[in-house]
N, C-alpha and C. Protein backbone atom coordinates (compact mmCIF):
# COMPACT_ATOMS: atom_id res chain seq x y z
N MET A 1 37.04 92.78 -21.15
CA MET A 1 37.56 91.64 -21.89
C MET A 1 37.02 91.71 -23.30
N SER A 2 37.78 91.15 -24.21
CA SER A 2 37.35 91.14 -25.59
C SER A 2 37.56 89.76 -26.18
N LYS A 3 36.77 89.47 -27.22
CA LYS A 3 36.83 88.18 -27.89
C LYS A 3 36.93 88.44 -29.37
N LYS A 4 37.86 87.77 -30.04
CA LYS A 4 38.01 87.97 -31.47
C LYS A 4 36.98 87.11 -32.20
N VAL A 5 36.14 87.76 -33.01
CA VAL A 5 35.13 87.07 -33.80
C VAL A 5 35.34 87.49 -35.24
N GLY A 6 35.87 86.58 -36.04
CA GLY A 6 36.14 86.92 -37.44
C GLY A 6 37.25 87.95 -37.52
N HIS A 7 36.91 89.14 -38.02
CA HIS A 7 37.89 90.21 -38.20
C HIS A 7 37.75 91.31 -37.17
N ARG A 8 36.89 91.14 -36.17
CA ARG A 8 36.65 92.21 -35.20
C ARG A 8 36.73 91.66 -33.78
N PHE A 9 36.84 92.58 -32.84
CA PHE A 9 36.86 92.22 -31.43
C PHE A 9 35.56 92.68 -30.79
N LEU A 10 34.88 91.77 -30.10
CA LEU A 10 33.65 92.10 -29.40
C LEU A 10 33.96 92.24 -27.92
N LEU A 11 33.40 93.27 -27.29
CA LEU A 11 33.59 93.45 -25.86
C LEU A 11 32.67 92.49 -25.12
N LYS A 12 33.20 91.87 -24.08
CA LYS A 12 32.42 90.95 -23.27
C LYS A 12 32.30 91.50 -21.87
N LYS A 13 31.25 91.18 -21.20
CA LYS A 13 31.04 91.61 -19.82
C LYS A 13 31.32 90.45 -18.89
N ILE A 14 31.95 90.76 -17.77
CA ILE A 14 32.12 89.74 -16.74
C ILE A 14 31.50 90.28 -15.46
N HIS A 15 30.89 89.41 -14.72
CA HIS A 15 30.23 89.80 -13.48
C HIS A 15 31.04 89.25 -12.31
N VAL A 16 31.66 90.16 -11.56
CA VAL A 16 32.53 89.78 -10.46
C VAL A 16 32.19 90.66 -9.27
N ARG A 17 32.15 90.05 -8.09
CA ARG A 17 31.92 90.84 -6.89
C ARG A 17 33.18 91.61 -6.53
N VAL A 18 33.01 92.75 -5.89
CA VAL A 18 34.13 93.62 -5.55
C VAL A 18 35.10 92.93 -4.61
N GLU A 19 34.63 92.07 -3.74
CA GLU A 19 35.49 91.40 -2.77
C GLU A 19 36.50 90.48 -3.46
N HIS A 20 36.21 90.04 -4.67
CA HIS A 20 37.06 89.08 -5.35
C HIS A 20 38.10 89.74 -6.25
N VAL A 21 38.05 91.06 -6.40
CA VAL A 21 38.97 91.77 -7.28
C VAL A 21 40.21 92.17 -6.49
N THR A 22 41.39 91.87 -7.03
CA THR A 22 42.64 92.25 -6.38
C THR A 22 43.52 92.99 -7.38
N HIS A 23 44.38 93.86 -6.87
CA HIS A 23 45.31 94.58 -7.72
C HIS A 23 46.43 93.65 -8.16
N SER A 24 46.98 93.94 -9.32
CA SER A 24 48.11 93.16 -9.82
C SER A 24 49.37 93.55 -9.05
N THR A 25 50.22 92.57 -8.77
CA THR A 25 51.46 92.84 -8.04
C THR A 25 52.65 93.00 -8.97
N SER A 26 52.44 92.87 -10.28
CA SER A 26 53.57 92.98 -11.20
C SER A 26 54.11 94.40 -11.22
N ARG A 27 53.24 95.39 -11.06
CA ARG A 27 53.70 96.78 -11.04
C ARG A 27 54.56 97.04 -9.80
N ASP A 28 54.18 96.47 -8.66
CA ASP A 28 54.96 96.64 -7.43
C ASP A 28 56.36 96.07 -7.59
N GLU A 29 56.47 94.89 -8.22
CA GLU A 29 57.77 94.28 -8.44
C GLU A 29 58.60 95.14 -9.37
N PHE A 30 57.97 95.71 -10.40
CA PHE A 30 58.68 96.57 -11.34
C PHE A 30 59.21 97.81 -10.64
N LEU A 31 58.39 98.45 -9.80
CA LEU A 31 58.82 99.65 -9.10
C LEU A 31 59.96 99.35 -8.12
N ALA A 32 59.89 98.22 -7.45
CA ALA A 32 60.96 97.83 -6.53
C ALA A 32 62.26 97.59 -7.29
N ARG A 33 62.16 96.95 -8.46
CA ARG A 33 63.34 96.70 -9.27
C ARG A 33 63.95 98.00 -9.77
N MET A 34 63.10 98.96 -10.18
CA MET A 34 63.60 100.26 -10.64
C MET A 34 64.30 101.00 -9.51
N LYS A 35 63.76 100.90 -8.30
CA LYS A 35 64.37 101.56 -7.15
C LYS A 35 65.74 100.96 -6.85
N ARG A 36 65.85 99.60 -6.91
CA ARG A 36 67.13 98.94 -6.70
C ARG A 36 68.14 99.34 -7.78
N ASN A 37 67.69 99.40 -9.02
CA ASN A 37 68.58 99.77 -10.13
C ASN A 37 69.09 101.19 -9.96
N ASP A 38 68.20 102.11 -9.62
CA ASP A 38 68.62 103.51 -9.45
C ASP A 38 69.61 103.64 -8.30
N GLU A 39 69.37 102.89 -7.22
CA GLU A 39 70.27 102.94 -6.07
C GLU A 39 71.65 102.40 -6.44
N SER A 40 71.70 101.30 -7.21
CA SER A 40 72.99 100.74 -7.59
C SER A 40 73.72 101.67 -8.56
N LYS A 41 73.00 102.35 -9.45
CA LYS A 41 73.62 103.32 -10.36
C LYS A 41 74.19 104.50 -9.57
N ARG A 42 73.42 104.97 -8.60
CA ARG A 42 73.86 106.11 -7.78
C ARG A 42 75.12 105.75 -6.97
N ALA A 43 75.13 104.54 -6.41
CA ALA A 43 76.28 104.11 -5.62
C ALA A 43 77.53 103.96 -6.50
N ALA A 44 77.34 103.45 -7.74
CA ALA A 44 78.48 103.30 -8.64
C ALA A 44 79.02 104.66 -9.06
N LYS A 45 78.13 105.62 -9.25
CA LYS A 45 78.56 106.96 -9.66
C LYS A 45 79.35 107.63 -8.54
N LEU A 46 78.89 107.48 -7.29
CA LEU A 46 79.61 108.06 -6.17
C LEU A 46 80.98 107.41 -5.97
N ALA A 47 81.08 106.12 -6.25
CA ALA A 47 82.34 105.41 -6.09
C ALA A 47 83.27 105.60 -7.28
N GLY A 48 82.76 106.22 -8.35
CA GLY A 48 83.58 106.44 -9.54
C GLY A 48 83.71 105.21 -10.41
N LEU A 49 82.80 104.27 -10.28
CA LEU A 49 82.82 103.05 -11.08
C LEU A 49 81.90 103.20 -12.28
N PRO A 50 82.07 102.36 -13.32
CA PRO A 50 81.14 102.41 -14.46
C PRO A 50 79.75 101.93 -14.05
N LYS A 51 78.75 102.31 -14.85
CA LYS A 51 77.37 101.92 -14.55
C LYS A 51 77.23 100.41 -14.53
N PRO A 52 76.54 99.85 -13.54
CA PRO A 52 76.33 98.40 -13.52
C PRO A 52 75.28 97.99 -14.54
N ASP A 53 75.33 96.73 -14.95
CA ASP A 53 74.34 96.20 -15.88
C ASP A 53 73.07 95.90 -15.09
N THR A 54 72.00 96.63 -15.37
CA THR A 54 70.77 96.48 -14.61
C THR A 54 69.69 95.72 -15.37
N LYS A 55 70.03 95.22 -16.55
CA LYS A 55 69.03 94.48 -17.32
C LYS A 55 68.80 93.11 -16.71
N ARG A 56 67.58 92.64 -16.79
CA ARG A 56 67.27 91.31 -16.28
C ARG A 56 67.86 90.26 -17.21
N GLN A 57 68.43 89.22 -16.64
CA GLN A 57 69.04 88.15 -17.42
C GLN A 57 68.17 86.91 -17.33
N PRO A 58 67.99 86.20 -18.44
CA PRO A 58 67.20 84.96 -18.37
C PRO A 58 67.97 83.90 -17.59
N LYS A 59 67.22 82.97 -17.01
CA LYS A 59 67.85 81.87 -16.30
C LYS A 59 68.58 80.99 -17.30
N GLY A 60 69.76 80.57 -16.95
CA GLY A 60 70.54 79.71 -17.83
C GLY A 60 70.07 78.27 -17.72
N PRO A 61 70.69 77.39 -18.50
CA PRO A 61 70.33 75.98 -18.40
C PRO A 61 70.77 75.39 -17.06
N ILE A 62 70.12 74.33 -16.65
CA ILE A 62 70.46 73.66 -15.40
C ILE A 62 71.81 72.97 -15.59
N PRO A 63 72.73 73.11 -14.66
CA PRO A 63 74.04 72.47 -14.82
C PRO A 63 73.91 70.94 -14.83
N ALA A 64 74.85 70.29 -15.50
CA ALA A 64 74.83 68.83 -15.62
C ALA A 64 75.02 68.18 -14.26
N HIS A 65 74.34 67.08 -14.03
CA HIS A 65 74.47 66.33 -12.78
C HIS A 65 74.10 64.87 -13.03
N PHE A 66 74.54 64.02 -12.13
CA PHE A 66 74.25 62.59 -12.23
C PHE A 66 73.12 62.24 -11.28
N ILE A 67 72.30 61.30 -11.68
CA ILE A 67 71.19 60.83 -10.85
C ILE A 67 71.54 59.42 -10.37
N SER A 68 71.46 59.23 -9.07
CA SER A 68 71.79 57.93 -8.50
C SER A 68 70.65 56.95 -8.75
N THR A 69 71.00 55.70 -9.07
CA THR A 69 69.98 54.67 -9.29
C THR A 69 69.96 53.66 -8.17
N LYS A 70 70.53 54.03 -7.01
CA LYS A 70 70.55 53.10 -5.88
C LYS A 70 69.13 52.77 -5.42
N LYS A 71 68.37 53.79 -5.06
CA LYS A 71 66.99 53.58 -4.60
C LYS A 71 65.99 53.92 -5.69
N ASN A 72 66.48 54.33 -6.85
CA ASN A 72 65.62 54.77 -7.94
C ASN A 72 65.89 53.86 -9.14
N THR A 73 65.11 52.78 -9.27
CA THR A 73 65.35 51.85 -10.37
C THR A 73 64.84 52.45 -11.68
N PRO A 74 65.58 52.26 -12.77
CA PRO A 74 65.14 52.79 -14.06
C PRO A 74 63.85 52.11 -14.52
N GLU A 75 63.01 52.87 -15.20
CA GLU A 75 61.73 52.35 -15.68
C GLU A 75 61.80 52.25 -17.19
N LEU A 76 61.48 51.09 -17.73
CA LEU A 76 61.51 50.88 -19.17
C LEU A 76 60.19 51.36 -19.77
N VAL A 77 60.28 52.27 -20.72
CA VAL A 77 59.09 52.83 -21.34
C VAL A 77 58.96 52.27 -22.75
N THR A 78 57.81 51.66 -23.05
CA THR A 78 57.57 51.12 -24.38
C THR A 78 56.28 51.71 -24.94
N PRO A 79 56.17 51.83 -26.26
CA PRO A 79 54.94 52.40 -26.82
C PRO A 79 53.77 51.44 -26.65
N VAL A 80 52.58 52.01 -26.52
CA VAL A 80 51.36 51.22 -26.36
C VAL A 80 50.71 51.09 -27.73
N MET A 81 50.31 49.88 -28.09
CA MET A 81 49.68 49.64 -29.38
C MET A 81 48.32 50.30 -29.45
N PHE A 82 48.05 51.01 -30.55
CA PHE A 82 46.77 51.67 -30.74
C PHE A 82 45.73 50.67 -31.19
N GLU A 83 44.56 50.67 -30.54
CA GLU A 83 43.47 49.78 -30.91
C GLU A 83 42.36 50.61 -31.51
N PHE A 84 41.96 50.26 -32.73
CA PHE A 84 40.88 50.98 -33.39
C PHE A 84 39.56 50.33 -33.03
N VAL A 85 38.65 51.08 -32.40
CA VAL A 85 37.36 50.54 -31.96
C VAL A 85 36.28 51.03 -32.92
N GLU A 86 35.50 50.08 -33.46
CA GLU A 86 34.42 50.46 -34.38
C GLU A 86 33.09 50.53 -33.70
């Protein structure tokens, strides 16, 4: 680990027991995604289709919906006056 001090980075030591250290799973997810992408490309090539889009897409906005107020009464929110304490 490093800490920025002024214009330089100082290395810091952390003391952790071996039992508490775990491998990151982000690499496993990446490798699985690459395997799926390669398989879909291979299948498209054998079928004579164009290459599929294998890029990850961001989640879109949540679709519009109505909220029922039958059992959910609206709550009126008003600002609270600031009190200066000396």
